[in-house]
Protein backbone atom coordinates (compact mmCIF):
# COMPACT_ATOMS: atom_id res chain seq x y z
CA UNK A 1 43.26 2.46 -84.76
CA UNK A 2 41.03 0.15 -82.78
CA UNK A 3 37.33 0.60 -83.29
CA UNK A 4 35.11 0.36 -80.25
CA UNK A 5 33.05 -2.81 -80.14
CA UNK A 6 29.30 -2.29 -79.76
CA UNK A 7 27.70 -3.23 -76.47
CA UNK A 8 24.35 -4.97 -76.58
CA UNK A 9 21.76 -5.21 -73.82
CA UNK A 10 19.08 -7.79 -73.17
CA UNK A 11 15.57 -6.93 -72.00
CA UNK A 12 16.34 -7.86 -68.39
CA UNK A 13 19.25 -5.41 -68.28
CA UNK A 14 17.20 -2.57 -69.78
CA UNK A 15 14.24 -3.07 -67.47
CA UNK A 16 16.56 -3.11 -64.46
CA UNK A 17 18.25 0.07 -65.68
CA UNK A 18 14.90 1.85 -66.15
CA UNK A 19 13.14 0.22 -63.20
CA UNK A 20 10.20 -0.91 -65.35
CA UNK A 21 8.61 -4.26 -66.14
CA UNK A 22 9.37 -6.35 -69.20
CA UNK A 23 5.77 -5.87 -70.33
CA UNK A 24 6.18 -2.08 -70.21
CA UNK A 25 9.43 -2.21 -72.22
CA UNK A 26 7.88 -4.44 -74.88
CA UNK A 27 4.78 -2.20 -75.01
CA UNK A 28 6.99 0.86 -75.64
CA UNK A 29 8.96 -0.97 -78.35
CA UNK A 30 5.77 -2.16 -80.05
CA UNK A 31 4.33 1.38 -79.95
CA UNK A 32 7.53 2.80 -81.47
CA UNK A 33 8.38 4.84 -78.37
CA UNK A 34 11.50 2.81 -77.58
CA UNK A 35 14.09 1.56 -80.08
CA UNK A 36 13.46 -1.71 -81.85
CA UNK A 37 15.87 -4.48 -81.00
CA UNK A 38 17.67 -6.97 -83.17
CA UNK A 39 16.38 -10.53 -83.15
CA UNK A 40 19.10 -13.14 -82.72
CA UNK A 41 16.69 -16.03 -82.52
CA UNK A 42 13.14 -16.94 -81.74
CA UNK A 43 13.50 -16.01 -78.07
CA UNK A 44 16.50 -13.66 -78.05
CA UNK A 45 16.39 -9.93 -78.78
CA UNK A 46 19.18 -7.45 -78.10
CA UNK A 47 19.37 -3.66 -78.12
CA UNK A 48 22.41 -1.54 -78.89
CA UNK A 49 23.46 0.27 -75.72
CA UNK A 50 23.88 3.51 -77.70
CA UNK A 51 20.24 3.31 -78.88
CA UNK A 52 19.00 2.67 -75.34
CA UNK A 53 21.07 5.55 -73.95
CA UNK A 54 19.74 7.86 -76.67
CA UNK A 55 16.19 6.77 -75.75
CA UNK A 56 16.84 7.56 -72.09
CA UNK A 57 18.26 10.97 -73.00
CA UNK A 58 15.23 11.72 -75.16
CA UNK A 59 13.08 11.10 -72.08
CA UNK A 60 15.17 13.54 -70.09
CA UNK A 61 16.51 10.62 -68.08
CA UNK A 62 13.01 9.87 -66.78
CA UNK A 63 11.32 6.81 -68.26
CA UNK A 64 7.96 7.84 -66.77
CA UNK A 65 7.73 10.61 -69.39
CA UNK A 66 7.40 8.01 -72.14
CA UNK A 67 3.98 6.93 -70.90
CA UNK A 68 2.66 10.49 -71.17
CA UNK A 69 3.38 10.79 -74.91
CA UNK A 70 0.27 10.84 -77.10
């Protein structure tokens, strides 16, 4: 049985998917609203696609709802 390989996304891919700025994505991650990524190096962070998709689902598919959380 072949196991499915994980897919990782970079910040640029996530921000394009959500139509938000990099600053907004990093603000959400820092605040704990979005999933934390995995650091590969000093300037490289990746996010598991499954974690990002779960985040989007938790927002009801609408990233604007994240801003409204207390």
